[in-house]
Each structure stands twice: as structure tokens, then as C-alpha cells.
PDB file of N, CA and C in Angstrom:
ATOM      1  N   MET A   1      37.746 309.314  99.555  1.00  0.00           N
ATOM      2  CA  MET A   1      37.889 310.115  98.346  1.00  0.00           C
ATOM      3  C   MET A   1      36.699 311.063  98.231  1.00  0.00           C
ATOM      4  N   ARG A   2      36.978 312.268  97.872  1.00  0.00           N
ATOM      5  CA  ARG A   2      35.924 313.271  97.714  1.00  0.00           C
ATOM      6  C   ARG A   2      35.548 313.381  96.241  1.00  0.00           C
ATOM      7  N   ASN A   3      34.820 312.377  95.764  1.00  0.00           N
ATOM      8  CA  ASN A   3      34.423 312.359  94.356  1.00  0.00           C
ATOM      9  C   ASN A   3      33.596 313.581  93.989  1.00  0.00           C
ATOM     10  N   TRP A   4      32.783 314.062  94.906  1.00  0.00           N
ATOM     11  CA  TRP A   4      31.949 315.231  94.628  1.00  0.00           C
ATOM     12  C   TRP A   4      32.820 316.457  94.333  1.00  0.00           C
ATOM     13  N   LEU A   5      33.956 316.562  95.018  1.00  0.00           N
ATOM     14  CA  LEU A   5      34.846 317.694  94.810  1.00  0.00           C
ATOM     15  C   LEU A   5      35.509 317.610  93.433  1.00  0.00           C
ATOM     16  N   LYS A   6      35.928 316.423  93.084  1.00  0.00           N
ATOM     17  CA  LYS A   6      36.516 316.198  91.771  1.00  0.00           C
ATOM     18  C   LYS A   6      35.511 316.521  90.664  1.00  0.00           C
ATOM     19  N   GLU A   7      34.269 316.093  90.857  1.00  0.00           N
ATOM     20  CA  GLU A   7      33.225 316.362  89.855  1.00  0.00           C
ATOM     21  C   GLU A   7      32.954 317.862  89.725  1.00  0.00           C
ATOM     22  N   LEU A   8      32.892 318.568  90.846  1.00  0.00           N
ATOM     23  CA  LEU A   8      32.700 320.019  90.795  1.00  0.00           C
ATOM     24  C   LEU A   8      33.828 320.686  90.014  1.00  0.00           C
ATOM     25  N   ARG A   9      35.049 320.260  90.290  1.00  0.00           N
ATOM     26  CA  ARG A   9      36.201 320.838  89.606  1.00  0.00           C
ATOM     27  C   ARG A   9      36.144 320.574  88.102  1.00  0.00           C
ATOM     28  N   LYS A  10      35.867 319.334  87.751  1.00  0.00           N
ATOM     29  CA  LYS A  10      35.801 318.976  86.331  1.00  0.00           C
ATOM     30  C   LYS A  10      34.648 319.686  85.631  1.00  0.00           C
ATOM     31  N   ASN A  11      33.500 319.775  86.294  1.00  0.00           N
ATOM     32  CA  ASN A  11      32.351 320.477  85.710  1.00  0.00           C
ATOM     33  C   ASN A  11      32.644 321.959  85.504  1.00  0.00           C
ATOM     34  N   ALA A  12      33.506 322.507  86.340  1.00  0.00           N
ATOM     35  CA  ALA A  12      33.896 323.911  86.197  1.00  0.00           C
ATOM     36  C   ALA A  12      34.970 324.083  85.123  1.00  0.00           C
ATOM     37  N   GLY A  13      35.473 322.966  84.612  1.00  0.00           N
ATOM     38  CA  GLY A  13      36.501 323.022  83.583  1.00  0.00           C
ATOM     39  C   GLY A  13      37.856 323.455  84.105  1.00  0.00           C
ATOM     40  N   LEU A  14      38.124 323.149  85.377  1.00  0.00           N
ATOM     41  CA  LEU A  14      39.363 323.575  86.008  1.00  0.00           C
ATOM     42  C   LEU A  14      40.284 322.388  86.280  1.00  0.00           C
ATOM     43  N   THR A  15      41.570 322.649  86.239  1.00  0.00           N
ATOM     44  CA  THR A  15      42.557 321.645  86.622  1.00  0.00           C
ATOM     45  C   THR A  15      42.814 321.755  88.122  1.00  0.00           C
ATOM     46  N   MET A  16      43.472 320.757  88.669  1.00  0.00           N
ATOM     47  CA  MET A  16      43.861 320.826  90.080  1.00  0.00           C
ATOM     48  C   MET A  16      44.754 322.033  90.313  1.00  0.00           C
ATOM     49  N   LYS A  17      45.653 322.291  89.388  1.00  0.00           N
ATOM     50  CA  LYS A  17      46.567 323.429  89.520  1.00  0.00           C
ATOM     51  C   LYS A  17      45.807 324.750  89.563  1.00  0.00           C
ATOM     52  N   GLN A  18      44.791 324.905  88.740  1.00  0.00           N
ATOM     53  CA  GLN A  18      44.016 326.142  88.726  1.00  0.00           C
ATOM     54  C   GLN A  18      43.285 326.360  90.052  1.00  0.00           C
ATOM     55  N   VAL A  19      42.710 325.296  90.599  1.00  0.00           N
ATOM     56  CA  VAL A  19      42.017 325.419  91.890  1.00  0.00           C
ATOM     57  C   VAL A  19      43.035 325.713  92.985  1.00  0.00           C
ATOM     58  N   ALA A  20      44.157 325.010  92.955  1.00  0.00           N
ATOM     59  CA  ALA A  20      45.209 325.236  93.948  1.00  0.00           C
ATOM     60  C   ALA A  20      45.702 326.676  93.889  1.00  0.00           C
ATOM     61  N   ASP A  21      45.926 327.186  92.685  1.00  0.00           N
ATOM     62  CA  ASP A  21      46.382 328.573  92.536  1.00  0.00           C
ATOM     63  C   ASP A  21      45.355 329.550  93.107  1.00  0.00           C
ATOM     64  N   ALA A  22      44.083 329.307  92.839  1.00  0.00           N
ATOM     65  CA  ALA A  22      43.022 330.180  93.348  1.00  0.00           C
ATOM     66  C   ALA A  22      42.967 330.144  94.874  1.00  0.00           C
ATOM     67  N   ALA A  23      43.279 328.990  95.454  1.00  0.00           N
ATOM     68  CA  ALA A  23      43.253 328.831  96.907  1.00  0.00           C
ATOM     69  C   ALA A  23      44.592 329.201  97.553  1.00  0.00           C
ATOM     70  N   GLU A  24      45.568 329.553  96.712  1.00  0.00           N
ATOM     71  CA  GLU A  24      46.900 329.925  97.187  1.00  0.00           C
ATOM     72  C   GLU A  24      47.578 328.810  97.973  1.00  0.00           C
ATOM     73  N   ILE A  25      47.469 327.580  97.426  1.00  0.00           N
ATOM     74  CA  ILE A  25      48.117 326.411  98.006  1.00  0.00           C
ATOM     75  C   ILE A  25      48.829 325.650  96.888  1.00  0.00           C
ATOM     76  N   SER A  26      49.614 324.659  97.254  1.00  0.00           N
ATOM     77  CA  SER A  26      50.296 323.853  96.235  1.00  0.00           C
ATOM     78  C   SER A  26      49.309 322.874  95.594  1.00  0.00           C
ATOM     79  N   GLU A  27      49.641 322.471  94.391  1.00  0.00           N
ATOM     80  CA  GLU A  27      48.817 321.482  93.711  1.00  0.00           C
ATOM     81  C   GLU A  27      48.808 320.168  94.487  1.00  0.00           C
ATOM     82  N   CYS A  28      49.929 319.817  95.087  1.00  0.00           N
ATOM     83  CA  CYS A  28      50.019 318.591  95.889  1.00  0.00           C
ATOM     84  C   CYS A  28      49.052 318.641  97.076  1.00  0.00           C
ATOM     85  N   TYR A  29      49.014 319.758  97.770  1.00  0.00           N
ATOM     86  CA  TYR A  29      48.108 319.928  98.909  1.00  0.00           C
ATOM     87  C   TYR A  29      46.655 319.816  98.433  1.00  0.00           C
ATOM     88  N   TYR A  30      46.332 320.479  97.319  1.00  0.00           N
ATOM     89  CA  TYR A  30      44.964 320.377  96.804  1.00  0.00           C
ATOM     90  C   TYR A  30      44.627 318.934  96.436  1.00  0.00           C
ATOM     91  N   SER A  31      45.550 318.247  95.803  1.00  0.00           N
ATOM     92  CA  SER A  31      45.329 316.853  95.417  1.00  0.00           C
ATOM     93  C   SER A  31      45.002 316.001  96.643  1.00  0.00           C
ATOM     94  N   GLN A  32      45.719 316.219  97.721  1.00  0.00           N
ATOM     95  CA  GLN A  32      45.472 315.480  98.960  1.00  0.00           C
ATOM     96  C   GLN A  32      44.097 315.799  99.533  1.00  0.00           C
ATOM     97  N   ILE A  33      43.667 317.046  99.418  1.00  0.00           N
ATOM     98  CA  ILE A  33      42.326 317.431  99.885  1.00  0.00           C
ATOM     99  C   ILE A  33      41.272 316.726  99.044  1.00  0.00           C
ATOM    100  N   GLU A  34      41.444 316.779  97.722  1.00  0.00           N
ATOM    101  CA  GLU A  34      40.470 316.151  96.820  1.00  0.00           C
ATOM    102  C   GLU A  34      40.425 314.640  97.019  1.00  0.00           C
ATOM    103  N   ASN A  35      41.574 314.039  97.294  1.00  0.00           N
ATOM    104  CA  ASN A  35      41.628 312.592  97.497  1.00  0.00           C
ATOM    105  C   ASN A  35      41.201 312.161  98.894  1.00  0.00           C
ATOM    106  N   GLY A  36      41.003 313.119  99.780  1.00  0.00           N
ATOM    107  CA  GLY A  36      40.527 312.800 101.123  1.00  0.00           C
ATOM    108  C   GLY A  36      41.607 312.338 102.075  1.00  0.00           C
ATOM    109  N   THR A  37      42.886 312.521 101.708  1.00  0.00           N
ATOM    110  CA  THR A  37      43.969 312.101 102.587  1.00  0.00           C
ATOM    111  C   THR A  37      44.455 313.219 103.496  1.00  0.00           C
ATOM    112  N   ARG A  38      43.950 314.429 103.249  1.00  0.00           N
ATOM    113  CA  ARG A  38      44.327 315.584 104.074  1.00  0.00           C
ATOM    114  C   ARG A  38      43.145 316.532 104.154  1.00  0.00           C
ATOM    115  N   ASN A  39      42.983 317.167 105.289  1.00  0.00           N
ATOM    116  CA  ASN A  39      41.928 318.156 105.457  1.00  0.00           C
ATOM    117  C   ASN A  39      42.479 319.552 105.210  1.00  0.00           C
ATOM    118  N   ALA A  40      41.629 320.405 104.704  1.00  0.00           N
ATOM    119  CA  ALA A  40      41.994 321.797 104.471  1.00  0.00           C
ATOM    120  C   ALA A  40      41.816 322.593 105.755  1.00  0.00           C
ATOM    121  N   SER A  41      42.558 323.669 105.864  1.00  0.00           N
ATOM    122  CA  SER A  41      42.297 324.623 106.941  1.00  0.00           C
ATOM    123  C   SER A  41      41.017 325.378 106.561  1.00  0.00           C
ATOM    124  N   VAL A  42      40.420 326.050 107.513  1.00  0.00           N
ATOM    125  CA  VAL A  42      39.200 326.805 107.228  1.00  0.00           C
ATOM    126  C   VAL A  42      39.437 327.873 106.151  1.00  0.00           C
ATOM    127  N   PRO A  43      40.503 328.665 106.234  1.00  0.00           N
ATOM    128  CA  PRO A  43      40.706 329.673 105.179  1.00  0.00           C
ATOM    129  C   PRO A  43      40.862 329.052 103.783  1.00  0.00           C
ATOM    130  N   VAL A  44      41.560 327.936 103.712  1.00  0.00           N
ATOM    131  CA  VAL A  44      41.742 327.251 102.421  1.00  0.00           C
ATOM    132  C   VAL A  44      40.415 326.667 101.949  1.00  0.00           C
ATOM    133  N   ALA A  45      39.660 326.074 102.851  1.00  0.00           N
ATOM    134  CA  ALA A  45      38.354 325.517 102.492  1.00  0.00           C
ATOM    135  C   ALA A  45      37.451 326.604 101.911  1.00  0.00           C
ATOM    136  N   LYS A  46      37.498 327.779 102.501  1.00  0.00           N
ATOM    137  CA  LYS A  46      36.678 328.880 102.014  1.00  0.00           C
ATOM    138  C   LYS A  46      37.087 329.308 100.612  1.00  0.00           C
ATOM    139  N   LYS A  47      38.386 329.346 100.336  1.00  0.00           N
ATOM    140  CA  LYS A  47      38.867 329.733  99.003  1.00  0.00           C
ATOM    141  C   LYS A  47      38.484 328.687  97.953  1.00  0.00           C
ATOM    142  N   ILE A  48      38.617 327.414  98.304  1.00  0.00           N
ATOM    143  CA  ILE A  48      38.229 326.355  97.372  1.00  0.00           C
ATOM    144  C   ILE A  48      36.733 326.425  97.104  1.00  0.00           C
ATOM    145  N   ALA A  49      35.965 326.642  98.154  1.00  0.00           N
ATOM    146  CA  ALA A  49      34.505 326.718  98.017  1.00  0.00           C
ATOM    147  C   ALA A  49      34.081 327.863  97.121  1.00  0.00           C
ATOM    148  N   VAL A  50      34.714 329.008  97.255  1.00  0.00           N
ATOM    149  CA  VAL A  50      34.392 330.149  96.396  1.00  0.00           C
ATOM    150  C   VAL A  50      34.727 329.810  94.944  1.00  0.00           C
ATOM    151  N   THR A  51      35.867 329.179  94.742  1.00  0.00           N
ATOM    152  CA  THR A  51      36.314 328.839  93.391  1.00  0.00           C
ATOM    153  C   THR A  51      35.371 327.845  92.724  1.00  0.00           C
ATOM    154  N   LEU A  52      34.887 326.869  93.492  1.00  0.00           N
ATOM    155  CA  LEU A  52      34.065 325.804  92.904  1.00  0.00           C
ATOM    156  C   LEU A  52      32.568 325.942  93.182  1.00  0.00           C
ATOM    157  N   GLY A  53      32.189 326.919  93.998  1.00  0.00           N
ATOM    158  CA  GLY A  53      30.779 327.203  94.216  1.00  0.00           C
ATOM    159  C   GLY A  53      30.031 326.232  95.108  1.00  0.00           C
ATOM    160  N   PHE A  54      30.531 326.036  96.320  1.00  0.00           N
ATOM    161  CA  PHE A  54      29.816 325.216  97.301  1.00  0.00           C
ATOM    162  C   PHE A  54      30.033 325.803  98.689  1.00  0.00           C
ATOM    163  N   GLU A  55      29.283 325.319  99.663  1.00  0.00           N
ATOM    164  CA  GLU A  55      29.428 325.771 101.044  1.00  0.00           C
ATOM    165  C   GLU A  55      30.691 325.153 101.639  1.00  0.00           C
ATOM    166  N   TRP A  56      31.587 325.969 102.146  1.00  0.00           N
ATOM    167  CA  TRP A  56      32.893 325.496 102.596  1.00  0.00           C
ATOM    168  C   TRP A  56      32.828 324.415 103.672  1.00  0.00           C
ATOM    169  N   GLN A  57      31.769 324.428 104.472  1.00  0.00           N
ATOM    170  CA  GLN A  57      31.646 323.441 105.549  1.00  0.00           C
ATOM    171  C   GLN A  57      31.577 322.011 105.014  1.00  0.00           C
ATOM    172  N   LYS A  58      31.153 321.855 103.772  1.00  0.00           N
ATOM    173  CA  LYS A  58      31.033 320.518 103.187  1.00  0.00           C
ATOM    174  C   LYS A  58      32.373 319.794 103.191  1.00  0.00           C
ATOM    175  N   LEU A  59      33.468 320.514 103.131  1.00  0.00           N
ATOM    176  CA  LEU A  59      34.771 319.870 103.156  1.00  0.00           C
ATOM    177  C   LEU A  59      35.073 319.170 104.476  1.00  0.00           C
ATOM    178  N   PHE A  60      34.328 319.525 105.510  1.00  0.00           N
ATOM    179  CA  PHE A  60      34.577 318.931 106.818  1.00  0.00           C
ATOM    180  C   PHE A  60      33.586 317.842 107.173  1.00  0.00           C
ATOM    181  N   GLU A  61      32.682 317.536 106.240  1.00  0.00           N
ATOM    182  CA  GLU A  61      31.772 316.405 106.435  1.00  0.00           C
ATOM    183  C   GLU A  61      32.543 315.126 106.177  1.00  0.00           C
ATOM    184  N   SER A  62      31.996 314.017 106.565  1.00  0.00           N
ATOM    185  CA  SER A  62      32.648 312.721 106.407  1.00  0.00           C
ATOM    186  C   SER A  62      33.066 312.507 104.954  1.00  0.00           C
ATOM    187  N   VAL A  63      34.282 312.005 104.776  1.00  0.00           N
ATOM    188  CA  VAL A  63      34.781 311.712 103.426  1.00  0.00           C
ATOM    189  C   VAL A  63      34.441 310.278 103.009  1.00  0.00           C
ATOM    190  N   ALA A  64      33.810 309.533 103.892  1.00  0.00           N
ATOM    191  CA  ALA A  64      33.485 308.134 103.575  1.00  0.00           C
ATOM    192  C   ALA A  64      32.329 308.036 102.601  1.00  0.00           C
TER     193      ALA A  64
END
């Protein structure tokens, strides 16, 4: 589980749907990324990172 991602989203006052819309993906896909059950593509990781304000490479670090 990517608790840090969830915290960033909540601190930004955004819903999963809002982040998903900004990244041009489905809410289900974003939920899977946040829960650590699916990895984002590089372009999607970059869009999520811009939306939430972090370095996109962090999404590819260990989810453990």
C-alpha cells in the first residue's frame, strides 16, 4: 500500500477521481496505483506527480 500517496492526495484536498481525471486515467486504475496493486506507466506517473507535487520516480520505489 502506498500510504504516502494517499496522504499526499488527502493533504491536497483531492479525491481519487480528481487525481485520476488530472492524470487522464480511470478512478479504478488510480485506486489500484494508490493501493499498490498496480504500477503506473511513466507518462501516468508523471501526471500524478505533477498533480500531487512529488518526484514521479517515487512511484517506482518499493511499495513495501
